[in-house]
Amino acid sequence: MNNSKFSPISLTQNADYFNVHGRIPYGMTNDYKFRAVLQSNNKVLKGLICALLHFTEDEIISVEITNPIVLGETVKNKEFRLDINVNLNNCTLLNLEMQLANQLNWKNRSVMYLCRSFDHLNHGQDYGEAKPVIHIGILDYSLFPDCPEFYSSYKLINIKNHRKYSDNLTLNVLDLSHIELAAKEDKRYHIHKWAMLFKATTWEEVKMIAEQNEYLIEASKTMFQMSADELIRKRCRDREEYYQDLRNYERAIAEKERQCEQLTTENDQLRAEIARLKKQ
């Protein structure tokens, strides 16, 4: 289901795509650009899901975005979520989210989103009708810096014997800052190529990464189509400004915390000196 006003790329646009070069105005780590590309092209969405869930093309019958937005429309609240809710094969609920800034709350936030998605039964429905839920966070930082991993998956398990409690709740994390850690299985399903595409900053990179993969080629052409739309670029710029303000705010807080720690250290030193003088 294509929930956008955008049509497939035309022959003229296709020619323009092969001739374009230089820096990309806004890459796929921009969560609005990420949303625009996946919402406007169902084939790209299907290809990404195939990679992330290790599916073959035949295993995906339908992918429907259940929370579409009007692409290009002005967003008054810059803090609004741009996660993508997908009904996969009408039997699994999938949540995709691109997260550029480390707000130090991802673990609790992702668990909350996962539980909210799983709590979808109407009054009177049997618990057996609950659909499995998968939350996939695409992060540009390491969730666990002491043990980085390119692509990881978490489930409810018995902590003693590691027996799975349920397959209905799954949390996956894709770390774009550690593409070099991609495992053989990640490469087999081209997840590292998708990550490289998300991180690409020039059209030369995009076309080199996408060659010989129909889904990546489709994604790169849709990126070009979205980049050519003035309204999409404005919304991407709004998101960049929001995250820049957020980073400035975080830096200011970090500086205040550093100053507080310094004052605490100085106070401790003064107390120690006073105690020494009193003892003398």
Protein backbone atom coordinates (compact mmCIF):
# COMPACT_ATOMS: atom_id res chain seq x y z
CA MET A 1 0.00 0.00 0.00
CA ASN A 2 1.58 3.30 -1.11
CA ASN A 3 0.44 6.03 1.28
CA SER A 4 1.80 9.05 -0.58
CA LYS A 5 1.19 11.40 -3.45
CA PHE A 6 4.43 10.41 -5.17
CA SER A 7 4.43 8.27 -8.29
CA PRO A 8 7.20 5.90 -9.45
CA ILE A 9 10.27 7.67 -10.83
CA SER A 10 9.82 8.79 -14.45
CA LEU A 11 12.20 8.22 -17.36
CA THR A 12 13.39 11.84 -17.15
CA GLN A 13 13.98 11.54 -13.42
CA ASN A 14 15.77 8.25 -14.02
CA ALA A 15 18.16 9.97 -16.42
CA ASP A 16 18.69 12.79 -13.92
CA TYR A 17 19.45 10.24 -11.22
CA PHE A 18 22.25 8.61 -13.22
CA ASN A 19 23.76 12.06 -13.91
CA VAL A 20 23.49 13.47 -10.38
CA HIS A 21 26.68 13.82 -8.34
CA GLY A 22 27.97 15.57 -5.22
CA ARG A 23 26.60 15.76 -1.71
CA ILE A 24 23.11 14.55 -0.81
CA PRO A 25 21.02 17.38 0.70
CA TYR A 26 19.68 15.12 3.45
CA GLY A 27 20.62 11.48 3.89
CA MET A 28 18.60 8.60 5.26
CA THR A 29 19.78 9.15 8.83
CA ASN A 30 17.44 12.13 8.74
CA ASP A 31 14.31 10.50 10.19
CA TYR A 32 11.98 12.52 7.94
CA LYS A 33 13.89 11.43 4.82
CA PHE A 34 13.84 7.86 6.14
CA ARG A 35 10.06 8.04 6.59
CA ALA A 36 9.50 9.74 3.20
CA VAL A 37 11.47 7.12 1.25
CA LEU A 38 9.87 4.10 2.94
CA GLN A 39 6.34 5.50 2.88
CA SER A 40 6.47 6.55 -0.75
CA ASN A 41 7.87 3.29 -2.12
CA ASN A 42 6.42 0.00 -0.90
CA LYS A 43 9.07 -2.01 -2.73
CA VAL A 44 11.83 -0.29 -0.75
CA LEU A 45 9.97 -0.97 2.51
CA LYS A 46 9.57 -4.62 1.51
CA GLY A 47 13.26 -4.94 0.62
CA LEU A 48 14.42 -3.45 3.92
CA ILE A 49 12.12 -5.73 5.92
CA CYS A 50 13.33 -8.77 3.98
CA ALA A 51 16.90 -7.88 4.95
CA LEU A 52 16.24 -7.07 8.61
CA LEU A 53 14.03 -10.11 9.25
CA HIS A 54 16.00 -12.53 7.05
CA PHE A 55 12.99 -13.15 4.82
CA THR A 56 12.88 -14.14 1.18
CA GLU A 57 10.77 -12.05 -1.18
CA ASP A 58 8.17 -14.84 -1.38
CA GLU A 59 7.67 -14.83 2.39
CA ILE A 60 6.30 -11.28 2.34
CA ILE A 61 2.76 -11.20 1.02
CA SER A 62 1.87 -7.66 2.12
CA VAL A 63 3.40 -4.71 3.97
CA GLU A 64 1.06 -1.91 4.97
CA ILE A 65 2.05 1.25 6.84
CA THR A 66 -0.69 1.81 9.40
CA ASN A 67 0.35 5.31 10.53
CA PRO A 68 0.97 7.23 7.28
CA ILE A 69 1.62 10.98 7.31
CA VAL A 70 1.00 13.57 4.59
CA LEU A 71 4.48 13.95 3.15
CA GLY A 72 5.63 17.55 2.85
CA GLU A 73 2.94 18.91 5.16
CA THR A 74 4.14 21.38 7.78
CA VAL A 75 4.62 19.79 11.19
CA LYS A 76 3.89 22.18 14.06
CA ASN A 77 5.36 19.97 16.78
CA LYS A 78 9.01 19.25 15.98
CA GLU A 79 9.16 16.61 18.69
CA PHE A 80 6.62 14.34 16.98
CA ARG A 81 7.61 10.73 16.38
CA LEU A 82 8.45 9.56 12.88
CA ASP A 83 8.46 5.84 13.62
CA ILE A 84 6.83 3.61 11.01
CA ASN A 85 4.18 1.08 12.06
CA VAL A 86 3.80 -1.80 9.62
CA ASN A 87 1.25 -4.59 9.40
CA LEU A 88 3.32 -7.43 7.96
CA ASN A 89 1.38 -10.21 6.17
CA ASN A 90 -1.58 -9.23 8.37
CA CYS A 91 -0.08 -11.39 11.13
CA THR A 92 2.88 -9.46 12.58
CA LEU A 93 3.17 -5.85 13.78
CA LEU A 94 6.46 -4.16 12.99
CA ASN A 95 7.77 -0.83 14.26
CA LEU A 96 10.74 0.85 12.50
CA GLU A 97 12.47 3.93 13.84
CA MET A 98 15.56 5.88 12.80
CA GLN A 99 17.21 7.52 15.82
CA LEU A 100 20.14 9.85 15.21
CA ALA A 101 20.58 11.51 18.63
CA ASN A 102 21.50 9.54 21.74
CA GLN A 103 18.94 10.74 24.29
CA LEU A 104 20.12 8.10 26.82
CA ASN A 105 16.61 6.67 27.15
CA TRP A 106 16.43 4.28 24.21
CA LYS A 107 16.22 1.05 26.21
CA ASN A 108 13.16 2.15 28.21
CA ARG A 109 11.68 3.97 25.25
CA SER A 110 11.91 1.00 22.89
CA VAL A 111 10.46 -1.37 25.50
CA MET A 112 7.57 1.05 26.03
CA TYR A 113 6.85 1.25 22.29
CA LEU A 114 7.03 -2.53 22.01
CA CYS A 115 4.56 -3.08 24.86
CA ARG A 116 2.15 -0.45 23.52
CA SER A 117 2.16 -2.12 20.12
CA PHE A 118 1.51 -5.53 21.66
CA ASP A 119 -1.42 -4.18 23.67
CA HIS A 120 -3.65 -3.99 20.59
CA LEU A 121 -6.50 -6.37 21.43
CA ASN A 122 -10.00 -4.97 21.69
CA HIS A 123 -12.25 -5.74 24.64
CA GLY A 124 -13.47 -9.32 24.43
CA GLN A 125 -10.78 -10.58 22.06
CA ASP A 126 -8.97 -13.76 23.04
CA TYR A 127 -5.29 -13.47 24.04
CA GLY A 128 -4.50 -16.04 21.39
CA GLU A 129 -5.38 -13.43 18.76
CA ALA A 130 -2.50 -11.17 19.83
CA LYS A 131 -0.09 -10.60 16.93
CA PRO A 132 3.67 -10.85 17.46
CA VAL A 133 5.39 -7.46 17.66
CA ILE A 134 8.89 -6.57 16.47
CA HIS A 135 10.53 -3.23 17.23
CA ILE A 136 13.60 -2.34 15.14
CA GLY A 137 15.63 0.66 16.23
CA ILE A 138 18.15 1.98 13.70
CA LEU A 139 20.64 3.95 15.80
CA ASP A 140 23.65 6.04 14.84
CA TYR A 141 25.38 5.25 18.14
CA SER A 142 26.13 2.18 20.26
CA LEU A 143 23.45 1.17 22.73
CA PHE A 144 26.05 -0.75 24.76
CA PRO A 145 29.44 0.95 24.15
CA ASP A 146 31.29 -1.66 26.23
CA CYS A 147 30.06 -4.42 23.91
CA PRO A 148 29.17 -2.95 20.48
CA GLU A 149 27.33 -5.10 17.95
CA PHE A 150 26.22 -4.23 14.43
CA TYR A 151 22.86 -6.01 14.46
CA SER A 152 21.40 -7.59 17.58
CA SER A 153 18.11 -9.19 18.60
CA TYR A 154 16.55 -9.52 22.06
CA LYS A 155 13.69 -11.70 23.32
CA LEU A 156 12.15 -12.81 26.60
CA ILE A 157 14.24 -15.75 27.80
CA ASN A 158 14.93 -17.80 30.90
CA ILE A 159 18.13 -16.34 32.36
CA LYS A 160 19.30 -19.76 33.59
CA ASN A 161 18.87 -22.06 30.61
CA HIS A 162 18.14 -19.44 27.89
CA ARG A 163 14.85 -21.07 26.96
CA LYS A 164 12.63 -18.63 25.07
CA TYR A 165 9.56 -17.56 27.00
CA SER A 166 7.74 -16.17 23.97
CA ASP A 167 8.35 -15.22 20.34
CA ASN A 168 5.72 -12.50 20.51
CA LEU A 169 8.04 -9.74 21.70
CA THR A 170 11.26 -8.96 19.85
CA LEU A 171 13.62 -5.98 20.03
CA ASN A 172 16.18 -5.56 17.25
CA VAL A 173 18.88 -2.91 17.15
CA LEU A 174 20.91 -1.88 14.10
CA ASP A 175 24.03 0.14 15.02
CA LEU A 176 25.07 2.33 12.08
CA SER A 177 28.22 3.41 13.90
CA HIS A 178 29.70 -0.10 13.73
CA ILE A 179 29.11 -1.37 10.20
CA GLU A 180 32.58 -2.94 10.34
CA LEU A 181 31.21 -5.44 12.90
CA ALA A 182 28.67 -6.90 10.44
CA ALA A 183 28.59 -10.70 10.77
CA LYS A 184 28.48 -13.16 7.87
CA GLU A 185 24.72 -13.53 8.26
CA ASP A 186 24.28 -9.73 8.21
CA LYS A 187 26.20 -9.59 4.94
CA ARG A 188 24.30 -12.53 3.52
CA TYR A 189 21.08 -10.54 3.81
CA HIS A 190 22.79 -7.27 2.71
CA ILE A 191 22.00 -5.53 6.01
CA HIS A 192 25.44 -3.90 5.94
CA LYS A 193 24.62 -2.50 2.48
CA TRP A 194 21.42 -0.91 3.79
CA ALA A 195 23.39 0.58 6.67
CA MET A 196 25.98 1.97 4.26
CA LEU A 197 23.18 3.45 2.15
CA PHE A 198 21.68 5.13 5.22
CA LYS A 199 25.06 6.65 6.10
CA ALA A 200 26.01 7.70 2.56
CA THR A 201 26.59 11.44 2.09
CA THR A 202 27.21 11.66 -1.67
CA TRP A 203 25.35 10.39 -4.73
CA GLU A 204 28.52 8.66 -5.90
CA GLU A 205 28.49 6.58 -2.69
CA VAL A 206 24.79 5.83 -3.03
CA LYS A 207 25.06 4.54 -6.60
CA MET A 208 28.14 2.47 -5.83
CA ILE A 209 26.48 0.85 -2.79
CA ALA A 210 23.20 0.18 -4.61
CA GLU A 211 24.58 -1.43 -7.77
CA GLN A 212 23.37 -4.96 -8.55
CA ASN A 213 20.69 -4.98 -5.85
CA GLU A 214 17.20 -4.14 -7.09
CA TYR A 215 15.89 -3.02 -3.69
CA LEU A 216 18.87 -0.78 -2.98
CA ILE A 217 18.67 0.69 -6.49
CA GLU A 218 14.98 1.38 -5.92
CA ALA A 219 15.79 2.98 -2.55
CA SER A 220 18.51 5.19 -4.03
CA LYS A 221 16.25 6.38 -6.85
CA THR A 222 13.49 7.17 -4.35
CA MET A 223 16.02 9.09 -2.25
CA PHE A 224 16.76 11.16 -5.35
CA GLN A 225 13.06 11.73 -6.00
CA MET A 226 12.48 12.86 -2.39
CA SER A 227 15.55 15.12 -2.51
CA ALA A 228 14.13 16.87 -5.58
CA ASP A 229 10.93 17.79 -3.73
CA GLU A 230 11.17 21.23 -2.09
CA LEU A 231 8.59 20.50 0.62
CA ILE A 232 10.35 17.27 1.62
CA ARG A 233 13.65 19.16 1.86
CA LYS A 234 12.05 21.77 4.11
CA ARG A 235 10.71 19.12 6.47
CA CYS A 236 14.12 17.43 6.52
CA ARG A 237 15.71 20.76 7.37
CA ASP A 238 13.22 21.23 10.22
CA ARG A 239 14.29 17.88 11.65
CA GLU A 240 17.96 18.75 11.32
CA GLU A 241 17.36 22.02 13.18
CA TYR A 242 15.42 20.21 15.89
CA TYR A 243 18.24 17.72 16.46
CA GLN A 244 20.83 20.50 16.39
CA ASP A 245 18.90 22.33 19.11
CA LEU A 246 18.71 19.05 21.02
CA ARG A 247 22.47 18.52 20.73
CA ASN A 248 23.13 22.09 21.88
CA TYR A 249 20.85 21.52 24.87
CA GLU A 250 22.61 18.26 25.72
CA ARG A 251 26.02 19.94 25.47
CA ALA A 252 24.84 22.71 27.80
CA ILE A 253 23.61 20.16 30.33
CA ALA A 254 26.89 18.22 30.07
CA GLU A 255 28.85 21.42 30.71
CA LYS A 256 26.72 22.24 33.77
CA GLU A 257 27.25 18.71 35.08
CA ARG A 258 31.00 19.06 34.55
CA GLN A 259 31.00 22.36 36.45
CA CYS A 260 29.01 20.76 39.30
CA GLU A 261 31.46 17.85 39.49
CA GLN A 262 34.36 20.30 39.56
CA LEU A 263 32.75 22.31 42.38
CA THR A 264 32.07 19.10 44.31
CA THR A 265 35.72 18.08 43.96
CA GLU A 266 36.88 21.51 45.11
CA ASN A 267 34.50 21.42 48.08
CA ASP A 268 35.80 17.99 49.07
CA GLN A 269 39.35 19.29 48.90
CA LEU A 270 38.45 22.31 51.04
CA ARG A 271 36.75 20.12 53.63
CA ALA A 272 39.80 17.89 53.77
CA GLU A 273 42.04 20.92 54.22
CA ILE A 274 39.82 22.33 57.00
CA ALA A 275 39.83 18.97 58.75
CA ARG A 276 43.60 18.83 58.52
CA LEU A 277 43.95 22.32 59.94
CA LYS A 278 41.58 21.55 62.80
CA LYS A 279 43.56 18.44 63.63
CA GLN A 280 46.76 20.50 63.78
